[in-house]
PDB file of N, CA and C in Angstrom:
ATOM      1  N   MET A   1     -40.180  -2.588 -83.850  1.00  0.00           N
ATOM      2  CA  MET A   1     -40.551  -3.839 -83.227  1.00  0.00           C
ATOM      3  C   MET A   1     -42.096  -3.444 -83.021  1.00  0.00           C
ATOM      4  N   ASN A   2     -42.974  -4.337 -83.177  1.00  0.00           N
ATOM      5  CA  ASN A   2     -44.381  -4.256 -82.981  1.00  0.00           C
ATOM      6  C   ASN A   2     -44.881  -4.657 -81.769  1.00  0.00           C
ATOM      7  N   ALA A   3     -46.124  -4.342 -81.393  1.00  0.00           N
ATOM      8  CA  ALA A   3     -46.456  -4.592 -80.019  1.00  0.00           C
ATOM      9  C   ALA A   3     -46.524  -6.052 -79.489  1.00  0.00           C
ATOM     10  N   ASN A   4     -46.821  -6.942 -80.576  1.00  0.00           N
ATOM     11  CA  ASN A   4     -46.888  -8.391 -80.111  1.00  0.00           C
ATOM     12  C   ASN A   4     -45.411  -8.929 -79.807  1.00  0.00           C
ATOM     13  N   ALA A   5     -44.433  -8.419 -80.444  1.00  0.00           N
ATOM     14  CA  ALA A   5     -43.102  -8.828 -80.314  1.00  0.00           C
ATOM     15  C   ALA A   5     -42.525  -8.283 -78.734  1.00  0.00           C
ATOM     16  N   MET A   6     -42.911  -6.861 -78.529  1.00  0.00           N
ATOM     17  CA  MET A   6     -42.643  -6.344 -77.286  1.00  0.00           C
ATOM     18  C   MET A   6     -43.298  -6.939 -76.144  1.00  0.00           C
ATOM     19  N   LEU A   7     -44.398  -7.499 -76.303  1.00  0.00           N
ATOM     20  CA  LEU A   7     -45.160  -8.155 -75.250  1.00  0.00           C
ATOM     21  C   LEU A   7     -44.553  -9.411 -74.963  1.00  0.00           C
ATOM     22  N   ARG A   8     -44.130 -10.213 -76.059  1.00  0.00           N
ATOM     23  CA  ARG A   8     -43.481 -11.372 -75.902  1.00  0.00           C
ATOM     24  C   ARG A   8     -42.054 -11.329 -75.113  1.00  0.00           C
ATOM     25  N   PHE A   9     -41.394 -10.236 -75.471  1.00  0.00           N
ATOM     26  CA  PHE A   9     -40.091 -10.009 -74.975  1.00  0.00           C
ATOM     27  C   PHE A   9     -40.284  -9.767 -73.318  1.00  0.00           C
ATOM     28  N   PHE A  10     -41.336  -8.886 -73.058  1.00  0.00           N
ATOM     29  CA  PHE A  10     -41.460  -8.474 -71.852  1.00  0.00           C
ATOM     30  C   PHE A  10     -42.015  -9.674 -70.779  1.00  0.00           C
ATOM     31  N   LEU A  11     -42.795 -10.497 -71.376  1.00  0.00           N
ATOM     32  CA  LEU A  11     -43.368 -11.748 -70.647  1.00  0.00           C
ATOM     33  C   LEU A  11     -42.250 -12.720 -70.722  1.00  0.00           C
ATOM     34  N   ARG A  12     -41.430 -12.941 -71.626  1.00  0.00           N
ATOM     35  CA  ARG A  12     -40.187 -13.810 -71.385  1.00  0.00           C
ATOM     36  C   ARG A  12     -39.293 -13.387 -70.379  1.00  0.00           C
ATOM     37  N   LYS A  13     -38.994 -12.211 -70.259  1.00  0.00           N
ATOM     38  CA  LYS A  13     -37.940 -11.474 -69.173  1.00  0.00           C
ATOM     39  C   LYS A  13     -38.587 -11.879 -67.767  1.00  0.00           C
ATOM     40  N   VAL A  14     -39.870 -11.631 -67.778  1.00  0.00           N
ATOM     41  CA  VAL A  14     -40.501 -11.806 -66.429  1.00  0.00           C
ATOM     42  C   VAL A  14     -40.597 -13.230 -66.018  1.00  0.00           C
ATOM     43  N   LEU A  15     -40.810 -13.998 -67.057  1.00  0.00           N
ATOM     44  CA  LEU A  15     -40.771 -15.504 -66.582  1.00  0.00           C
ATOM     45  C   LEU A  15     -39.347 -16.105 -66.287  1.00  0.00           C
ATOM     46  N   HIS A  16     -38.412 -15.607 -66.946  1.00  0.00           N
ATOM     47  CA  HIS A  16     -36.976 -15.970 -66.711  1.00  0.00           C
ATOM     48  C   HIS A  16     -36.602 -15.456 -65.309  1.00  0.00           C
ATOM     49  N   ILE A  17     -37.006 -14.349 -64.921  1.00  0.00           N
ATOM     50  CA  ILE A  17     -36.670 -13.804 -63.590  1.00  0.00           C
ATOM     51  C   ILE A  17     -37.376 -14.643 -62.648  1.00  0.00           C
ATOM     52  N   GLY A  18     -38.655 -14.989 -62.864  1.00  0.00           N
ATOM     53  CA  GLY A  18     -39.364 -15.631 -61.820  1.00  0.00           C
ATOM     54  C   GLY A  18     -38.819 -17.193 -61.570  1.00  0.00           C
ATOM     55  N   VAL A  19     -38.415 -17.764 -62.654  1.00  0.00           N
ATOM     56  CA  VAL A  19     -37.923 -19.085 -62.600  1.00  0.00           C
ATOM     57  C   VAL A  19     -36.533 -19.127 -61.819  1.00  0.00           C
ATOM     58  N   SER A  20     -35.630 -18.035 -62.020  1.00  0.00           N
ATOM     59  CA  SER A  20     -34.366 -17.970 -61.490  1.00  0.00           C
ATOM     60  C   SER A  20     -34.571 -17.695 -59.862  1.00  0.00           C
ATOM     61  N   LYS A  21     -35.542 -16.810 -59.473  1.00  0.00           N
ATOM     62  CA  LYS A  21     -35.874 -16.536 -58.129  1.00  0.00           C
ATOM     63  C   LYS A  21     -36.555 -17.860 -57.469  1.00  0.00           C
ATOM     64  N   GLY A  22     -37.192 -18.655 -58.216  1.00  0.00           N
ATOM     65  CA  GLY A  22     -37.726 -19.646 -57.652  1.00  0.00           C
ATOM     66  C   GLY A  22     -36.639 -20.798 -57.370  1.00  0.00           C
ATOM     67  N   ILE A  23     -35.697 -20.938 -58.314  1.00  0.00           N
ATOM     68  CA  ILE A  23     -34.702 -21.875 -57.988  1.00  0.00           C
ATOM     69  C   ILE A  23     -33.800 -21.338 -56.718  1.00  0.00           C
ATOM     70  N   ASP A  24     -33.510 -20.169 -56.560  1.00  0.00           N
ATOM     71  CA  ASP A  24     -32.943 -19.470 -55.417  1.00  0.00           C
ATOM     72  C   ASP A  24     -33.672 -19.856 -54.186  1.00  0.00           C
ATOM     73  N   ARG A  25     -34.960 -19.649 -54.298  1.00  0.00           N
ATOM     74  CA  ARG A  25     -35.725 -19.817 -53.014  1.00  0.00           C
ATOM     75  C   ARG A  25     -35.850 -21.221 -52.650  1.00  0.00           C
ATOM     76  N   ALA A  26     -35.771 -22.212 -53.689  1.00  0.00           N
ATOM     77  CA  ALA A  26     -35.987 -23.648 -53.325  1.00  0.00           C
ATOM     78  C   ALA A  26     -34.730 -24.155 -52.715  1.00  0.00           C
ATOM     79  N   TYR A  27     -33.576 -23.659 -53.086  1.00  0.00           N
ATOM     80  CA  TYR A  27     -32.185 -24.053 -52.386  1.00  0.00           C
ATOM     81  C   TYR A  27     -31.808 -23.080 -51.373  1.00  0.00           C
ATOM     82  N   GLY A  28     -32.519 -22.196 -50.897  1.00  0.00           N
ATOM     83  CA  GLY A  28     -32.106 -21.187 -49.960  1.00  0.00           C
ATOM     84  C   GLY A  28     -31.959 -21.830 -48.574  1.00  0.00           C
ATOM     85  N   ALA A  29     -31.425 -21.154 -47.630  1.00  0.00           N
ATOM     86  CA  ALA A  29     -31.127 -21.578 -46.356  1.00  0.00           C
ATOM     87  C   ALA A  29     -32.375 -21.271 -45.433  1.00  0.00           C
ATOM     88  N   ASP A  30     -32.616 -22.115 -44.614  1.00  0.00           N
ATOM     89  CA  ASP A  30     -33.770 -21.907 -43.597  1.00  0.00           C
ATOM     90  C   ASP A  30     -33.070 -21.191 -42.437  1.00  0.00           C
ATOM     91  N   LYS A  31     -31.774 -21.404 -42.010  1.00  0.00           N
ATOM     92  CA  LYS A  31     -31.304 -20.890 -40.871  1.00  0.00           C
ATOM     93  C   LYS A  31     -29.991 -19.827 -41.209  1.00  0.00           C
ATOM     94  N   ALA A  32     -29.478 -19.291 -40.353  1.00  0.00           N
ATOM     95  CA  ALA A  32     -28.370 -18.439 -40.587  1.00  0.00           C
ATOM     96  C   ALA A  32     -27.179 -19.441 -40.487  1.00  0.00           C
ATOM     97  N   LYS A  33     -25.981 -18.995 -41.198  1.00  0.00           N
ATOM     98  CA  LYS A  33     -24.913 -20.113 -41.319  1.00  0.00           C
ATOM     99  C   LYS A  33     -24.231 -20.232 -39.852  1.00  0.00           C
ATOM    100  N   LYS A  34     -24.391 -19.537 -39.071  1.00  0.00           N
ATOM    101  CA  LYS A  34     -23.751 -19.535 -37.724  1.00  0.00           C
ATOM    102  C   LYS A  34     -24.532 -20.465 -36.900  1.00  0.00           C
ATOM    103  N   ASP A  35     -25.815 -20.656 -37.151  1.00  0.00           N
ATOM    104  CA  ASP A  35     -26.749 -21.658 -36.402  1.00  0.00           C
ATOM    105  C   ASP A  35     -26.668 -23.051 -36.941  1.00  0.00           C
ATOM    106  N   MET A  36     -26.005 -23.315 -37.956  1.00  0.00           N
ATOM    107  CA  MET A  36     -25.959 -24.598 -38.768  1.00  0.00           C
ATOM    108  C   MET A  36     -24.915 -25.539 -38.120  1.00  0.00           C
ATOM    109  N   THR A  37     -25.256 -26.816 -38.175  1.00  0.00           N
ATOM    110  CA  THR A  37     -24.219 -27.678 -37.843  1.00  0.00           C
ATOM    111  C   THR A  37     -23.306 -27.740 -39.066  1.00  0.00           C
ATOM    112  N   PRO A  38     -22.158 -28.342 -38.729  1.00  0.00           N
ATOM    113  CA  PRO A  38     -21.246 -28.707 -40.053  1.00  0.00           C
ATOM    114  C   PRO A  38     -21.918 -29.458 -41.021  1.00  0.00           C
ATOM    115  N   GLU A  39     -22.645 -30.495 -40.669  1.00  0.00           N
ATOM    116  CA  GLU A  39     -23.423 -31.348 -41.624  1.00  0.00           C
ATOM    117  C   GLU A  39     -24.322 -30.588 -42.368  1.00  0.00           C
ATOM    118  N   GLU A  40     -25.185 -29.624 -41.708  1.00  0.00           N
ATOM    119  CA  GLU A  40     -26.193 -28.775 -42.257  1.00  0.00           C
ATOM    120  C   GLU A  40     -25.516 -27.800 -43.403  1.00  0.00           C
ATOM    121  N   ARG A  41     -24.212 -27.457 -42.809  1.00  0.00           N
ATOM    122  CA  ARG A  41     -23.550 -26.554 -43.670  1.00  0.00           C
ATOM    123  C   ARG A  41     -23.110 -27.226 -45.125  1.00  0.00           C
ATOM    124  N   ARG A  42     -22.675 -28.430 -44.866  1.00  0.00           N
ATOM    125  CA  ARG A  42     -22.114 -29.047 -46.045  1.00  0.00           C
ATOM    126  C   ARG A  42     -23.327 -29.379 -46.937  1.00  0.00           C
ATOM    127  N   ARG A  43     -24.564 -29.681 -46.479  1.00  0.00           N
ATOM    128  CA  ARG A  43     -25.647 -29.969 -47.410  1.00  0.00           C
ATOM    129  C   ARG A  43     -26.159 -28.733 -48.009  1.00  0.00           C
ATOM    130  N   HIS A  44     -26.072 -27.572 -47.201  1.00  0.00           N
ATOM    131  CA  HIS A  44     -26.505 -26.202 -47.838  1.00  0.00           C
ATOM    132  C   HIS A  44     -25.491 -25.924 -49.105  1.00  0.00           C
ATOM    133  N   GLN A  45     -24.222 -26.158 -48.696  1.00  0.00           N
ATOM    134  CA  GLN A  45     -23.232 -25.893 -49.836  1.00  0.00           C
ATOM    135  C   GLN A  45     -23.552 -26.621 -51.035  1.00  0.00           C
ATOM    136  N   ALA A  46     -23.700 -27.836 -50.950  1.00  0.00           N
ATOM    137  CA  ALA A  46     -24.002 -28.923 -52.053  1.00  0.00           C
ATOM    138  C   ALA A  46     -25.260 -28.360 -52.699  1.00  0.00           C
ATOM    139  N   ALA A  47     -26.364 -27.948 -52.007  1.00  0.00           N
ATOM    140  CA  ALA A  47     -27.582 -27.532 -52.583  1.00  0.00           C
ATOM    141  C   ALA A  47     -27.326 -26.148 -53.354  1.00  0.00           C
ATOM    142  N   ARG A  48     -26.521 -25.345 -52.972  1.00  0.00           N
ATOM    143  CA  ARG A  48     -26.259 -24.081 -53.754  1.00  0.00           C
ATOM    144  C   ARG A  48     -25.430 -24.371 -54.961  1.00  0.00           C
ATOM    145  N   LYS A  49     -24.664 -25.478 -54.868  1.00  0.00           N
ATOM    146  CA  LYS A  49     -23.857 -25.860 -56.059  1.00  0.00           C
ATOM    147  C   LYS A  49     -24.851 -26.385 -57.106  1.00  0.00           C
ATOM    148  N   ASN A  50     -25.860 -27.296 -56.760  1.00  0.00           N
ATOM    149  CA  ASN A  50     -26.903 -27.890 -57.666  1.00  0.00           C
ATOM    150  C   ASN A  50     -27.514 -26.738 -58.113  1.00  0.00           C
ATOM    151  N   ALA A  51     -27.873 -25.554 -57.300  1.00  0.00           N
ATOM    152  CA  ALA A  51     -28.866 -24.537 -57.778  1.00  0.00           C
ATOM    153  C   ALA A  51     -27.915 -23.819 -58.985  1.00  0.00           C
ATOM    154  N   ASN A  52     -26.840 -23.662 -58.715  1.00  0.00           N
ATOM    155  CA  ASN A  52     -25.841 -22.966 -59.731  1.00  0.00           C
ATOM    156  C   ASN A  52     -25.786 -23.767 -60.936  1.00  0.00           C
ATOM    157  N   ARG A  53     -25.808 -25.049 -60.891  1.00  0.00           N
ATOM    158  CA  ARG A  53     -25.896 -26.020 -62.001  1.00  0.00           C
ATOM    159  C   ARG A  53     -27.141 -25.841 -62.898  1.00  0.00           C
ATOM    160  N   SER A  54     -28.147 -25.769 -62.131  1.00  0.00           N
ATOM    161  CA  SER A  54     -29.472 -25.766 -62.721  1.00  0.00           C
ATOM    162  C   SER A  54     -29.697 -24.429 -63.427  1.00  0.00           C
ATOM    163  N   LYS A  55     -29.051 -23.136 -62.952  1.00  0.00           N
ATOM    164  CA  LYS A  55     -29.278 -22.010 -63.445  1.00  0.00           C
ATOM    165  C   LYS A  55     -28.370 -22.020 -64.813  1.00  0.00           C
ATOM    166  N   GLN A  56     -27.219 -22.834 -64.854  1.00  0.00           N
ATOM    167  CA  GLN A  56     -26.397 -22.775 -65.965  1.00  0.00           C
ATOM    168  C   GLN A  56     -27.045 -23.602 -66.914  1.00  0.00           C
ATOM    169  N   ALA A  57     -27.692 -24.774 -66.700  1.00  0.00           N
ATOM    170  CA  ALA A  57     -28.377 -25.510 -67.709  1.00  0.00           C
ATOM    171  C   ALA A  57     -29.671 -24.728 -68.084  1.00  0.00           C
ATOM    172  N   LEU A  58     -30.347 -24.010 -67.336  1.00  0.00           N
ATOM    173  CA  LEU A  58     -31.511 -23.167 -67.850  1.00  0.00           C
ATOM    174  C   LEU A  58     -30.956 -22.146 -68.731  1.00  0.00           C
ATOM    175  N   LYS A  59     -29.850 -21.430 -68.495  1.00  0.00           N
ATOM    176  CA  LYS A  59     -29.271 -20.618 -69.324  1.00  0.00           C
ATOM    177  C   LYS A  59     -29.052 -20.977 -70.637  1.00  0.00           C
ATOM    178  N   MET A  60     -28.344 -22.238 -70.683  1.00  0.00           N
ATOM    179  CA  MET A  60     -28.140 -22.907 -72.031  1.00  0.00           C
ATOM    180  C   MET A  60     -29.196 -23.158 -72.781  1.00  0.00           C
ATOM    181  N   MET A  61     -30.293 -23.779 -72.040  1.00  0.00           N
ATOM    182  CA  MET A  61     -31.459 -23.938 -72.878  1.00  0.00           C
ATOM    183  C   MET A  61     -32.203 -22.785 -73.402  1.00  0.00           C
ATOM    184  N   ARG A  62     -32.144 -21.721 -72.736  1.00  0.00           N
ATOM    185  CA  ARG A  62     -32.659 -20.462 -73.237  1.00  0.00           C
ATOM    186  C   ARG A  62     -31.831 -19.889 -74.552  1.00  0.00           C
ATOM    187  N   LYS A  63     -30.525 -20.065 -74.519  1.00  0.00           N
ATOM    188  CA  LYS A  63     -29.803 -19.886 -75.476  1.00  0.00           C
ATOM    189  C   LYS A  63     -30.065 -20.703 -76.896  1.00  0.00           C
ATOM    190  N   ILE A  64     -30.265 -21.920 -76.611  1.00  0.00           N
ATOM    191  CA  ILE A  64     -30.814 -22.889 -77.699  1.00  0.00           C
ATOM    192  C   ILE A  64     -31.959 -22.492 -78.133  1.00  0.00           C
ATOM    193  N   GLY A  65     -32.942 -22.152 -77.488  1.00  0.00           N
ATOM    194  CA  GLY A  65     -34.184 -21.842 -77.889  1.00  0.00           C
ATOM    195  C   GLY A  65     -34.294 -20.706 -78.402  1.00  0.00           C
ATOM    196  N   ARG A  66     -33.295 -19.718 -78.423  1.00  0.00           N
ATOM    197  CA  ARG A  66     -33.400 -18.592 -79.419  1.00  0.00           C
ATOM    198  C   ARG A  66     -33.019 -18.818 -80.834  1.00  0.00           C
ATOM    199  N   PHE A  67     -32.387 -20.036 -81.082  1.00  0.00           N
ATOM    200  CA  PHE A  67     -31.924 -20.159 -82.383  1.00  0.00           C
ATOM    201  C   PHE A  67     -32.710 -21.252 -82.986  1.00  0.00           C
ATOM    202  N   ARG A  68     -34.000 -21.371 -82.629  1.00  0.00           N
ATOM    203  CA  ARG A  68     -35.023 -22.397 -83.350  1.00  0.00           C
ATOM    204  C   ARG A  68     -35.279 -22.140 -84.689  1.00  0.00           C
TER     205      ARG A  68
END
């Protein structure tokens, strides 16, 4: 593996981690669950489901991108 390929591999890994952390942060909770109302708790659970779907879609796109 040459230096260019290693650099590309490393940068891709860092970018993937950063995007995943960004998704987690965007859908994260502002309050502790015990301080939430039932409605806020439902909205938070729906947001977490959407975050998981986003991560799954991102993972599929990454796999498709490898086979170009």
